């Protein structure tokens, strides 16, 4: 009995030490749980973290090589307030078949942000072109896929660089005058509908971009408070970007560029997208008649996280069966 009690006491002491260490770690880095989860997802997918300096910015990205040489390179571009981690669910389903890359756009995530710089559609388009030139591999065609704001940037890059971009995917993409909705009206009124300043606005943000609450990321305390504080600090930058992509003369540049995209293409939307109304699919489709059009039900703006199986399958179909105009 004495030995057993000693064992129990040892376990209790070790547990207490662990809890204290965990508490100290979270106190020093409240975002540690979120970053640890992203690291777990990256490790599970076999993605390796890299960075490269192009177009005057250090750009963070993750990559995994394909099993077979010459396989396509799928480059995935995130949206407004997003990051490369948004693509991990889709990347995990494409890995092995293709070389997979997801990047943080300059100014976002772990990539460099410089004061006084323009981070609108066209400026990011030029930076993305430089990034693609830097990471391209001979014999591996580039499949460029963008979500939301990233989709608008991808449309510009694909139109500008048909010799560089072999296939194009626009997913819930910004850049056309879709049917009025609450989100669009708020943007035109000078507001940031994605702004987060307290727990209520964080939940409102998640409910706006996700249709299924069960698919929303779990954000435990104290990471939730740290995330709110982070988003508060990002408010001026977010507003400046939204002014460029949502209210300036360049807000419809991606839609104009789409008419010059001749590569095999994919247009994918969710029926319950409350950010970029699904009417945008038909507007892009009128300019890209060659595109494979996919509409998914019971998902919102974050299709890449709510329906990663379907998004990955659509990208795979684009690569295997895409036909030019």
C-alpha atoms as a PDB file:
ATOM      1  CA  UNK A   1       0.000   0.000   0.000  1.00  0.00           C
ATOM      2  CA  UNK A   2       2.833   2.397   0.821  1.00  0.00           C
ATOM      3  CA  UNK A   3       4.381   1.831  -2.589  1.00  0.00           C
ATOM      4  CA  UNK A   4       1.024   2.498  -4.263  1.00  0.00           C
ATOM      5  CA  UNK A   5       0.497   5.751  -2.350  1.00  0.00           C
ATOM      6  CA  UNK A   6       3.993   6.850  -3.242  1.00  0.00           C
ATOM      7  CA  UNK A   7       3.205   6.211  -6.920  1.00  0.00           C
ATOM      8  CA  UNK A   8      -0.021   8.190  -6.690  1.00  0.00           C
ATOM      9  CA  UNK A   9       1.786  11.068  -4.968  1.00  0.00           C
ATOM     10  CA  UNK A  10       4.470  11.038  -7.672  1.00  0.00           C
ATOM     11  CA  UNK A  11       1.846  11.203 -10.404  1.00  0.00           C
ATOM     12  CA  UNK A  12       0.080  14.052  -8.581  1.00  0.00           C
ATOM     13  CA  UNK A  13       3.324  16.000  -8.237  1.00  0.00           C
ATOM     14  CA  UNK A  14       4.196  15.479 -11.897  1.00  0.00           C
ATOM     15  CA  UNK A  15       0.692  16.555 -12.915  1.00  0.00           C
ATOM     16  CA  UNK A  16       0.970  19.686 -10.801  1.00  0.00           C
ATOM     17  CA  UNK A  17       4.349  20.501 -12.332  1.00  0.00           C
ATOM     18  CA  UNK A  18       2.906  19.988 -15.818  1.00  0.00           C
ATOM     19  CA  UNK A  19      -0.083  22.237 -15.104  1.00  0.00           C
ATOM     20  CA  UNK A  20       2.186  24.953 -13.722  1.00  0.00           C
ATOM     21  CA  UNK A  21       4.515  24.697 -16.705  1.00  0.00           C
ATOM     22  CA  UNK A  22       1.553  24.823 -19.087  1.00  0.00           C
ATOM     23  CA  UNK A  23       0.158  27.840 -17.272  1.00  0.00           C
ATOM     24  CA  UNK A  24       3.502  29.635 -17.436  1.00  0.00           C
ATOM     25  CA  UNK A  25       3.834  28.848 -21.149  1.00  0.00           C
ATOM     26  CA  UNK A  26       0.341  30.175 -21.902  1.00  0.00           C
ATOM     27  CA  UNK A  27       0.966  33.255 -19.789  1.00  0.00           C
ATOM     28  CA  UNK A  28       4.086  34.033 -21.798  1.00  0.00           C
ATOM     29  CA  UNK A  29       2.497  33.063 -25.149  1.00  0.00           C
ATOM     30  CA  UNK A  30      -1.336  33.064 -25.019  1.00  0.00           C
ATOM     31  CA  UNK A  31      -1.433  32.168 -28.737  1.00  0.00           C
ATOM     32  CA  UNK A  32       0.664  29.093 -28.001  1.00  0.00           C
ATOM     33  CA  UNK A  33      -2.276  26.669 -28.188  1.00  0.00           C
ATOM     34  CA  UNK A  34      -3.330  27.966 -31.588  1.00  0.00           C
ATOM     35  CA  UNK A  35       0.230  27.907 -32.922  1.00  0.00           C
ATOM     36  CA  UNK A  36       0.736  24.416 -31.512  1.00  0.00           C
ATOM     37  CA  UNK A  37      -2.394  23.197 -33.290  1.00  0.00           C
ATOM     38  CA  UNK A  38      -1.217  24.715 -36.566  1.00  0.00           C
ATOM     39  CA  UNK A  39       2.163  23.044 -36.070  1.00  0.00           C
ATOM     40  CA  UNK A  40       0.419  19.718 -35.463  1.00  0.00           C
ATOM     41  CA  UNK A  41      -1.613  20.076 -38.667  1.00  0.00           C
ATOM     42  CA  UNK A  42       1.489  21.031 -40.634  1.00  0.00           C
ATOM     43  CA  UNK A  43       3.397  18.039 -39.257  1.00  0.00           C
ATOM     44  CA  UNK A  44       0.517  15.645 -39.955  1.00  0.00           C
ATOM     45  CA  UNK A  45       0.434  16.830 -43.552  1.00  0.00           C
ATOM     46  CA  UNK A  46       4.201  16.552 -43.903  1.00  0.00           C
ATOM     47  CA  UNK A  47       4.515  20.227 -44.830  1.00  0.00           C
ATOM     48  CA  UNK A  48       7.803  22.010 -44.217  1.00  0.00           C
ATOM     49  CA  UNK A  49       8.031  25.701 -43.306  1.00  0.00           C
ATOM     50  CA  UNK A  50      10.178  27.979 -45.456  1.00  0.00           C
ATOM     51  CA  UNK A  51      10.631  31.649 -46.218  1.00  0.00           C
ATOM     52  CA  UNK A  52      11.965  33.525 -49.188  1.00  0.00           C
ATOM     53  CA  UNK A  53      12.603  37.186 -49.922  1.00  0.00           C
ATOM     54  CA  UNK A  54      11.112  38.448 -53.177  1.00  0.00           C
ATOM     55  CA  UNK A  55       9.566  41.746 -54.282  1.00  0.00           C
ATOM     56  CA  UNK A  56      11.085  43.419 -51.240  1.00  0.00           C
ATOM     57  CA  UNK A  57       9.246  41.201 -48.744  1.00  0.00           C
ATOM     58  CA  UNK A  58      10.102  38.118 -46.734  1.00  0.00           C
ATOM     59  CA  UNK A  59       7.344  35.630 -47.571  1.00  0.00           C
ATOM     60  CA  UNK A  60       6.563  32.656 -45.330  1.00  0.00           C
ATOM     61  CA  UNK A  61       5.238  29.490 -46.951  1.00  0.00           C
ATOM     62  CA  UNK A  62       4.888  25.756 -46.435  1.00  0.00           C
ATOM     63  CA  UNK A  63       5.686  23.096 -48.988  1.00  0.00           C
ATOM     64  CA  UNK A  64       5.734  19.402 -49.633  1.00  0.00           C
ATOM     65  CA  UNK A  65       7.190  17.824 -52.735  1.00  0.00           C
ATOM     66  CA  UNK A  66       5.241  15.366 -54.869  1.00  0.00           C
ATOM     67  CA  UNK A  67       6.095  11.670 -54.965  1.00  0.00           C
ATOM     68  CA  UNK A  68       6.608  11.770 -58.730  1.00  0.00           C
ATOM     69  CA  UNK A  69       8.899  14.270 -60.480  1.00  0.00           C
ATOM     70  CA  UNK A  70       7.096  16.564 -62.879  1.00  0.00           C
ATOM     71  CA  UNK A  71       3.815  16.529 -60.977  1.00  0.00           C
ATOM     72  CA  UNK A  72       1.891  19.800 -60.922  1.00  0.00           C
ATOM     73  CA  UNK A  73       2.681  22.449 -58.308  1.00  0.00           C
ATOM     74  CA  UNK A  74      -0.496  23.587 -56.536  1.00  0.00           C
ATOM     75  CA  UNK A  75      -0.006  27.072 -55.050  1.00  0.00           C
ATOM     76  CA  UNK A  76      -2.767  28.164 -52.655  1.00  0.00           C
ATOM     77  CA  UNK A  77      -3.463  31.813 -51.792  1.00  0.00           C
ATOM     78  CA  UNK A  78      -5.540  32.794 -48.739  1.00  0.00           C
ATOM     79  CA  UNK A  79      -8.141  35.523 -48.343  1.00  0.00           C
ATOM     80  CA  UNK A  80      -8.732  38.690 -46.313  1.00  0.00           C
ATOM     81  CA  UNK A  81      -7.819  38.205 -42.606  1.00  0.00           C
ATOM     82  CA  UNK A  82      -6.623  34.704 -43.534  1.00  0.00           C
ATOM     83  CA  UNK A  83      -3.295  32.884 -43.660  1.00  0.00           C
ATOM     84  CA  UNK A  84      -1.654  29.834 -45.184  1.00  0.00           C
ATOM     85  CA  UNK A  85      -3.024  27.694 -42.325  1.00  0.00           C
ATOM     86  CA  UNK A  86      -6.548  28.054 -43.753  1.00  0.00           C
ATOM     87  CA  UNK A  87      -5.418  25.768 -46.573  1.00  0.00           C
ATOM     88  CA  UNK A  88      -4.047  22.937 -44.424  1.00  0.00           C
ATOM     89  CA  UNK A  89      -7.216  20.785 -44.658  1.00  0.00           C
ATOM     90  CA  UNK A  90      -7.154  20.963 -48.475  1.00  0.00           C
ATOM     91  CA  UNK A  91      -3.373  20.585 -48.670  1.00  0.00           C
ATOM     92  CA  UNK A  92      -3.502  17.398 -46.592  1.00  0.00           C
ATOM     93  CA  UNK A  93      -5.827  15.846 -49.192  1.00  0.00           C
ATOM     94  CA  UNK A  94      -3.661  16.793 -52.183  1.00  0.00           C
ATOM     95  CA  UNK A  95      -0.293  15.823 -50.768  1.00  0.00           C
ATOM     96  CA  UNK A  96       1.468  12.970 -52.492  1.00  0.00           C
ATOM     97  CA  UNK A  97      -0.202  13.539 -55.845  1.00  0.00           C
ATOM     98  CA  UNK A  98       1.158  17.040 -56.338  1.00  0.00           C
ATOM     99  CA  UNK A  99       3.765  19.434 -55.078  1.00  0.00           C
ATOM    100  CA  UNK A 100       1.796  21.579 -52.619  1.00  0.00           C
ATOM    101  CA  UNK A 101       2.585  25.138 -51.503  1.00  0.00           C
ATOM    102  CA  UNK A 102       0.561  27.516 -49.313  1.00  0.00           C
ATOM    103  CA  UNK A 103       1.882  30.999 -48.603  1.00  0.00           C
ATOM    104  CA  UNK A 104       1.184  33.945 -46.363  1.00  0.00           C
ATOM    105  CA  UNK A 105       0.643  36.931 -48.619  1.00  0.00           C
ATOM    106  CA  UNK A 106       2.954  39.853 -47.828  1.00  0.00           C
ATOM    107  CA  UNK A 107       1.463  41.784 -44.932  1.00  0.00           C
ATOM    108  CA  UNK A 108      -0.408  38.778 -43.566  1.00  0.00           C
ATOM    109  CA  UNK A 109       0.377  35.841 -41.302  1.00  0.00           C
ATOM    110  CA  UNK A 110       4.096  35.325 -40.802  1.00  0.00           C
ATOM    111  CA  UNK A 111       5.109  37.242 -43.921  1.00  0.00           C
ATOM    112  CA  UNK A 112       6.668  40.666 -43.753  1.00  0.00           C
ATOM    113  CA  UNK A 113       4.597  43.839 -43.592  1.00  0.00           C
ATOM    114  CA  UNK A 114       6.241  47.151 -44.428  1.00  0.00           C
ATOM    115  CA  UNK A 115       4.904  50.559 -43.420  1.00  0.00           C
ATOM    116  CA  UNK A 116       3.459  52.735 -46.145  1.00  0.00           C
ATOM    117  CA  UNK A 117       3.139  49.887 -48.668  1.00  0.00           C
ATOM    118  CA  UNK A 118       0.103  49.090 -50.831  1.00  0.00           C
ATOM    119  CA  UNK A 119      -1.429  45.653 -50.130  1.00  0.00           C
ATOM    120  CA  UNK A 120      -4.330  45.866 -52.572  1.00  0.00           C
ATOM    121  CA  UNK A 121      -5.160  43.567 -55.474  1.00  0.00           C
ATOM    122  CA  UNK A 122      -2.657  44.795 -58.042  1.00  0.00           C
ATOM    123  CA  UNK A 123       0.300  45.280 -55.686  1.00  0.00           C
ATOM    124  CA  UNK A 124      -0.161  41.751 -54.315  1.00  0.00           C
ATOM    125  CA  UNK A 125      -0.537  40.453 -57.859  1.00  0.00           C
ATOM    126  CA  UNK A 126       2.933  41.739 -58.714  1.00  0.00           C
ATOM    127  CA  UNK A 127       4.385  40.193 -55.543  1.00  0.00           C
ATOM    128  CA  UNK A 128       2.682  36.869 -56.249  1.00  0.00           C
ATOM    129  CA  UNK A 129       4.166  36.821 -59.742  1.00  0.00           C
ATOM    130  CA  UNK A 130       7.629  37.279 -58.260  1.00  0.00           C
ATOM    131  CA  UNK A 131       6.989  34.497 -55.739  1.00  0.00           C
ATOM    132  CA  UNK A 132       5.874  32.082 -58.462  1.00  0.00           C
ATOM    133  CA  UNK A 133       8.952  32.846 -60.526  1.00  0.00           C
ATOM    134  CA  UNK A 134      11.126  32.094 -57.487  1.00  0.00           C
ATOM    135  CA  UNK A 135       9.539  28.748 -56.512  1.00  0.00           C
ATOM    136  CA  UNK A 136       8.783  27.306 -59.954  1.00  0.00           C
ATOM    137  CA  UNK A 137      10.391  23.995 -60.895  1.00  0.00           C
ATOM    138  CA  UNK A 138      11.154  23.008 -64.502  1.00  0.00           C
ATOM    139  CA  UNK A 139       8.613  20.507 -65.786  1.00  0.00           C
ATOM    140  CA  UNK A 140       6.130  21.136 -62.954  1.00  0.00           C
ATOM    141  CA  UNK A 141       3.187  23.218 -64.215  1.00  0.00           C
ATOM    142  CA  UNK A 142       1.759  25.705 -61.718  1.00  0.00           C
ATOM    143  CA  UNK A 143      -1.864  25.387 -60.649  1.00  0.00           C
ATOM    144  CA  UNK A 144      -2.741  28.656 -58.931  1.00  0.00           C
ATOM    145  CA  UNK A 145      -5.709  28.569 -56.567  1.00  0.00           C
ATOM    146  CA  UNK A 146      -7.056  31.520 -54.576  1.00  0.00           C
ATOM    147  CA  UNK A 147      -9.768  31.967 -51.962  1.00  0.00           C
ATOM    148  CA  UNK A 148     -11.769  35.195 -51.454  1.00  0.00           C
ATOM    149  CA  UNK A 149      -9.348  38.154 -51.704  1.00  0.00           C
ATOM    150  CA  UNK A 150      -6.721  35.626 -52.773  1.00  0.00           C
ATOM    151  CA  UNK A 151      -8.991  34.587 -55.626  1.00  0.00           C
ATOM    152  CA  UNK A 152      -9.045  38.143 -56.920  1.00  0.00           C
ATOM    153  CA  UNK A 153      -5.260  38.302 -56.788  1.00  0.00           C
ATOM    154  CA  UNK A 154      -5.003  34.930 -58.535  1.00  0.00           C
ATOM    155  CA  UNK A 155      -7.289  36.138 -61.332  1.00  0.00           C
ATOM    156  CA  UNK A 156      -4.948  39.067 -62.019  1.00  0.00           C
ATOM    157  CA  UNK A 157      -1.811  36.936 -61.915  1.00  0.00           C
ATOM    158  CA  UNK A 158      -3.298  34.257 -64.165  1.00  0.00           C
ATOM    159  CA  UNK A 159      -4.369  36.833 -66.742  1.00  0.00           C
ATOM    160  CA  UNK A 160      -0.975  38.574 -66.659  1.00  0.00           C
ATOM    161  CA  UNK A 161       1.143  35.402 -66.755  1.00  0.00           C
ATOM    162  CA  UNK A 162      -0.474  32.709 -68.953  1.00  0.00           C
ATOM    163  CA  UNK A 163       2.922  31.151 -69.634  1.00  0.00           C
ATOM    164  CA  UNK A 164       3.609  30.853 -65.905  1.00  0.00           C
ATOM    165  CA  UNK A 165       0.186  29.730 -64.637  1.00  0.00           C
ATOM    166  CA  UNK A 166      -1.067  26.550 -66.300  1.00  0.00           C
ATOM    167  CA  UNK A 167      -4.389  26.198 -64.460  1.00  0.00           C
ATOM    168  CA  UNK A 168      -6.504  28.529 -62.357  1.00  0.00           C
ATOM    169  CA  UNK A 169      -8.842  27.990 -59.402  1.00  0.00           C
ATOM    170  CA  UNK A 170     -11.077  30.756 -58.032  1.00  0.00           C
ATOM    171  CA  UNK A 171     -12.869  29.796 -54.827  1.00  0.00           C
ATOM    172  CA  UNK A 172     -15.441  32.179 -53.320  1.00  0.00           C
ATOM    173  CA  UNK A 173     -13.383  34.849 -55.078  1.00  0.00           C
ATOM    174  CA  UNK A 174     -13.670  38.614 -54.654  1.00  0.00           C
ATOM    175  CA  UNK A 175     -13.394  41.061 -57.525  1.00  0.00           C
ATOM    176  CA  UNK A 176     -16.826  41.270 -59.219  1.00  0.00           C
ATOM    177  CA  UNK A 177     -20.038  43.218 -58.445  1.00  0.00           C
ATOM    178  CA  UNK A 178     -22.086  40.417 -56.897  1.00  0.00           C
ATOM    179  CA  UNK A 179     -25.658  40.768 -55.650  1.00  0.00           C
ATOM    180  CA  UNK A 180     -26.064  43.021 -52.634  1.00  0.00           C
ATOM    181  CA  UNK A 181     -25.765  41.374 -49.228  1.00  0.00           C
ATOM    182  CA  UNK A 182     -25.189  42.581 -45.681  1.00  0.00           C
ATOM    183  CA  UNK A 183     -21.423  42.127 -45.940  1.00  0.00           C
ATOM    184  CA  UNK A 184     -21.093  44.023 -49.215  1.00  0.00           C
ATOM    185  CA  UNK A 185     -23.293  46.887 -48.035  1.00  0.00           C
ATOM    186  CA  UNK A 186     -21.165  47.274 -44.895  1.00  0.00           C
ATOM    187  CA  UNK A 187     -17.967  47.388 -46.965  1.00  0.00           C
ATOM    188  CA  UNK A 188     -19.411  50.048 -49.282  1.00  0.00           C
ATOM    189  CA  UNK A 189     -20.423  52.046 -46.200  1.00  0.00           C
ATOM    190  CA  UNK A 190     -16.780  52.190 -45.096  1.00  0.00           C
ATOM    191  CA  UNK A 191     -17.015  49.537 -42.402  1.00  0.00           C
ATOM    192  CA  UNK A 192     -15.003  46.355 -41.821  1.00  0.00           C
ATOM    193  CA  UNK A 193     -17.554  43.548 -41.283  1.00  0.00           C
ATOM    194  CA  UNK A 194     -14.706  41.256 -40.210  1.00  0.00           C
ATOM    195  CA  UNK A 195     -13.544  43.568 -37.417  1.00  0.00           C
ATOM    196  CA  UNK A 196     -13.035  41.851 -34.040  1.00  0.00           C
ATOM    197  CA  UNK A 197     -12.892  43.744 -30.765  1.00  0.00           C
ATOM    198  CA  UNK A 198     -14.564  41.485 -28.167  1.00  0.00           C
ATOM    199  CA  UNK A 199     -15.918  37.915 -27.769  1.00  0.00           C
ATOM    200  CA  UNK A 200     -19.267  38.826 -29.367  1.00  0.00           C
ATOM    201  CA  UNK A 201     -17.675  40.270 -32.505  1.00  0.00           C
ATOM    202  CA  UNK A 202     -15.318  37.287 -32.756  1.00  0.00           C
ATOM    203  CA  UNK A 203     -18.292  34.923 -32.739  1.00  0.00           C
ATOM    204  CA  UNK A 204     -20.114  37.141 -35.246  1.00  0.00           C
ATOM    205  CA  UNK A 205     -17.056  36.977 -37.515  1.00  0.00           C
ATOM    206  CA  UNK A 206     -16.959  33.178 -37.304  1.00  0.00           C
ATOM    207  CA  UNK A 207     -20.709  32.917 -37.926  1.00  0.00           C
ATOM    208  CA  UNK A 208     -20.319  35.135 -40.994  1.00  0.00           C
ATOM    209  CA  UNK A 209     -17.646  33.032 -42.683  1.00  0.00           C
ATOM    210  CA  UNK A 210     -18.813  29.563 -41.558  1.00  0.00           C
ATOM    211  CA  UNK A 211     -22.221  28.067 -42.260  1.00  0.00           C
ATOM    212  CA  UNK A 212     -21.754  25.106 -39.915  1.00  0.00           C
ATOM    213  CA  UNK A 213     -20.825  26.056 -36.345  1.00  0.00           C
ATOM    214  CA  UNK A 214     -19.518  22.538 -35.874  1.00  0.00           C
ATOM    215  CA  UNK A 215     -16.782  23.296 -38.431  1.00  0.00           C
ATOM    216  CA  UNK A 216     -15.649  26.496 -36.740  1.00  0.00           C
ATOM    217  CA  UNK A 217     -12.187  26.229 -35.159  1.00  0.00           C
ATOM    218  CA  UNK A 218     -12.190  25.641 -31.421  1.00  0.00           C
ATOM    219  CA  UNK A 219     -10.421  28.557 -29.733  1.00  0.00           C
ATOM    220  CA  UNK A 220      -9.885  27.854 -26.006  1.00  0.00           C
ATOM    221  CA  UNK A 221      -9.192  30.387 -23.302  1.00  0.00           C
ATOM    222  CA  UNK A 222      -6.738  32.144 -23.042  1.00  0.00           C
ATOM    223  CA  UNK A 223      -6.066  31.853 -26.764  1.00  0.00           C
ATOM    224  CA  UNK A 224      -9.454  33.414 -27.488  1.00  0.00           C
ATOM    225  CA  UNK A 225      -8.544  36.594 -25.585  1.00  0.00           C
ATOM    226  CA  UNK A 226      -5.129  36.688 -27.248  1.00  0.00           C
ATOM    227  CA  UNK A 227      -6.733  36.321 -30.667  1.00  0.00           C
ATOM    228  CA  UNK A 228      -9.129  39.184 -29.926  1.00  0.00           C
ATOM    229  CA  UNK A 229      -6.210  41.379 -28.839  1.00  0.00           C
ATOM    230  CA  UNK A 230      -4.323  40.443 -32.009  1.00  0.00           C
ATOM    231  CA  UNK A 231      -7.271  41.307 -34.230  1.00  0.00           C
ATOM    232  CA  UNK A 232      -7.688  44.652 -32.459  1.00  0.00           C
ATOM    233  CA  UNK A 233      -4.078  45.477 -33.308  1.00  0.00           C
ATOM    234  CA  UNK A 234      -4.675  44.474 -36.930  1.00  0.00           C
ATOM    235  CA  UNK A 235      -7.678  46.774 -37.349  1.00  0.00           C
ATOM    236  CA  UNK A 236      -5.844  49.691 -39.063  1.00  0.00           C
ATOM    237  CA  UNK A 237      -4.111  47.370 -41.520  1.00  0.00           C
ATOM    238  CA  UNK A 238      -7.326  45.451 -42.278  1.00  0.00           C
ATOM    239  CA  UNK A 239      -9.176  48.711 -42.886  1.00  0.00           C
ATOM    240  CA  UNK A 240      -6.481  49.974 -45.243  1.00  0.00           C
ATOM    241  CA  UNK A 241      -6.571  46.747 -47.273  1.00  0.00           C
ATOM    242  CA  UNK A 242     -10.371  46.734 -47.383  1.00  0.00           C
ATOM    243  CA  UNK A 243     -10.343  50.322 -48.614  1.00  0.00           C
ATOM    244  CA  UNK A 244      -8.217  49.144 -51.558  1.00  0.00           C
ATOM    245  CA  UNK A 245      -9.960  45.887 -52.475  1.00  0.00           C
ATOM    246  CA  UNK A 246     -13.519  46.828 -51.545  1.00  0.00           C
ATOM    247  CA  UNK A 247     -13.969  50.521 -52.245  1.00  0.00           C
ATOM    248  CA  UNK A 248     -11.226  51.815 -54.544  1.00  0.00           C
ATOM    249  CA  UNK A 249     -11.140  51.915 -58.346  1.00  0.00           C
ATOM    250  CA  UNK A 250      -9.306  48.575 -58.366  1.00  0.00           C
ATOM    251  CA  UNK A 251     -12.054  46.603 -56.600  1.00  0.00           C
ATOM    252  CA  UNK A 252     -13.328  45.121 -59.886  1.00  0.00           C
ATOM    253  CA  UNK A 253      -9.944  44.628 -61.578  1.00  0.00           C
ATOM    254  CA  UNK A 254     -10.057  40.829 -61.015  1.00  0.00           C
ATOM    255  CA  UNK A 255     -13.386  40.535 -62.829  1.00  0.00           C
ATOM    256  CA  UNK A 256     -12.041  42.553 -65.735  1.00  0.00           C
ATOM    257  CA  UNK A 257      -8.911  40.404 -65.857  1.00  0.00           C
ATOM    258  CA  UNK A 258     -10.984  37.196 -65.853  1.00  0.00           C
ATOM    259  CA  UNK A 259     -12.010  37.849 -69.459  1.00  0.00           C
ATOM    260  CA  UNK A 260      -8.346  37.336 -70.408  1.00  0.00           C
ATOM    261  CA  UNK A 261      -7.926  34.021 -68.579  1.00  0.00           C
ATOM    262  CA  UNK A 262      -7.779  31.283 -71.221  1.00  0.00           C
ATOM    263  CA  UNK A 263      -6.234  28.560 -69.075  1.00  0.00           C
ATOM    264  CA  UNK A 264      -8.290  25.618 -67.810  1.00  0.00           C
ATOM    265  CA  UNK A 265     -10.086  26.968 -64.772  1.00  0.00           C
ATOM    266  CA  UNK A 266     -12.234  26.110 -61.761  1.00  0.00           C
ATOM    267  CA  UNK A 267     -14.931  28.275 -60.182  1.00  0.00           C
ATOM    268  CA  UNK A 268     -16.184  26.973 -56.827  1.00  0.00           C
ATOM    269  CA  UNK A 269     -18.733  28.552 -54.480  1.00  0.00           C
ATOM    270  CA  UNK A 270     -20.882  27.546 -51.549  1.00  0.00           C
ATOM    271  CA  UNK A 271     -24.611  28.297 -51.682  1.00  0.00           C
ATOM    272  CA  UNK A 272     -24.577  29.772 -48.169  1.00  0.00           C
ATOM    273  CA  UNK A 273     -21.638  32.149 -48.718  1.00  0.00           C
ATOM    274  CA  UNK A 274     -22.624  35.341 -46.864  1.00  0.00           C
ATOM    275  CA  UNK A 275     -19.454  37.212 -47.804  1.00  0.00           C
ATOM    276  CA  UNK A 276     -19.027  36.830 -51.586  1.00  0.00           C
ATOM    277  CA  UNK A 277     -22.554  36.114 -52.789  1.00  0.00           C
ATOM    278  CA  UNK A 278     -22.815  33.006 -55.031  1.00  0.00           C
ATOM    279  CA  UNK A 279     -23.994  35.267 -57.868  1.00  0.00           C
ATOM    280  CA  UNK A 280     -20.271  36.005 -58.275  1.00  0.00           C
ATOM    281  CA  UNK A 281     -19.801  32.512 -59.725  1.00  0.00           C
ATOM    282  CA  UNK A 282     -22.011  33.347 -62.712  1.00  0.00           C
ATOM    283  CA  UNK A 283     -20.351  36.734 -63.161  1.00  0.00           C
ATOM    284  CA  UNK A 284     -16.917  35.113 -63.315  1.00  0.00           C
ATOM    285  CA  UNK A 285     -18.339  32.278 -65.391  1.00  0.00           C
ATOM    286  CA  UNK A 286     -19.584  34.674 -68.066  1.00  0.00           C
ATOM    287  CA  UNK A 287     -16.000  35.865 -68.486  1.00  0.00           C
ATOM    288  CA  UNK A 288     -14.489  32.359 -68.231  1.00  0.00           C
ATOM    289  CA  UNK A 289     -16.744  30.039 -70.235  1.00  0.00           C
ATOM    290  CA  UNK A 290     -14.085  27.321 -70.178  1.00  0.00           C
ATOM    291  CA  UNK A 291     -14.252  27.043 -66.388  1.00  0.00           C
ATOM    292  CA  UNK A 292     -15.478  24.001 -64.505  1.00  0.00           C
ATOM    293  CA  UNK A 293     -18.246  25.350 -62.244  1.00  0.00           C
ATOM    294  CA  UNK A 294     -18.901  23.743 -58.860  1.00  0.00           C
ATOM    295  CA  UNK A 295     -21.540  24.799 -56.308  1.00  0.00           C
ATOM    296  CA  UNK A 296     -21.632  23.169 -52.905  1.00  0.00           C
ATOM    297  CA  UNK A 297     -24.560  23.213 -50.499  1.00  0.00           C
ATOM    298  CA  UNK A 298     -24.591  23.613 -46.709  1.00  0.00           C
ATOM    299  CA  UNK A 299     -21.326  25.514 -46.472  1.00  0.00           C
ATOM    300  CA  UNK A 300     -20.346  29.163 -46.257  1.00  0.00           C
ATOM    301  CA  UNK A 301     -17.466  31.376 -47.255  1.00  0.00           C
ATOM    302  CA  UNK A 302     -14.818  29.097 -45.722  1.00  0.00           C
ATOM    303  CA  UNK A 303     -15.442  26.203 -48.086  1.00  0.00           C
ATOM    304  CA  UNK A 304     -11.750  25.313 -47.881  1.00  0.00           C
ATOM    305  CA  UNK A 305     -12.247  24.456 -44.196  1.00  0.00           C
ATOM    306  CA  UNK A 306     -15.886  23.320 -44.181  1.00  0.00           C
ATOM    307  CA  UNK A 307     -15.695  21.093 -47.288  1.00  0.00           C
ATOM    308  CA  UNK A 308     -12.007  20.287 -47.849  1.00  0.00           C
ATOM    309  CA  UNK A 309     -12.750  16.883 -49.432  1.00  0.00           C
ATOM    310  CA  UNK A 310     -14.917  18.477 -52.121  1.00  0.00           C
ATOM    311  CA  UNK A 311     -12.544  21.394 -52.707  1.00  0.00           C
ATOM    312  CA  UNK A 312      -9.557  19.038 -53.056  1.00  0.00           C
ATOM    313  CA  UNK A 313     -11.545  16.788 -55.409  1.00  0.00           C
ATOM    314  CA  UNK A 314     -12.463  19.781 -57.571  1.00  0.00           C
ATOM    315  CA  UNK A 315      -8.824  20.904 -57.758  1.00  0.00           C
ATOM    316  CA  UNK A 316      -7.807  17.349 -58.669  1.00  0.00           C
ATOM    317  CA  UNK A 317     -10.438  17.308 -61.425  1.00  0.00           C
ATOM    318  CA  UNK A 318      -9.181  20.642 -62.736  1.00  0.00           C
ATOM    319  CA  UNK A 319      -5.648  19.249 -62.991  1.00  0.00           C
ATOM    320  CA  UNK A 320      -6.574  15.899 -64.507  1.00  0.00           C
ATOM    321  CA  UNK A 321      -9.392  16.928 -66.842  1.00  0.00           C
ATOM    322  CA  UNK A 322      -9.155  20.697 -67.348  1.00  0.00           C
ATOM    323  CA  UNK A 323      -9.509  21.726 -70.986  1.00  0.00           C
ATOM    324  CA  UNK A 324      -8.530  25.137 -72.361  1.00  0.00           C
ATOM    325  CA  UNK A 325     -11.066  27.371 -74.100  1.00  0.00           C
END
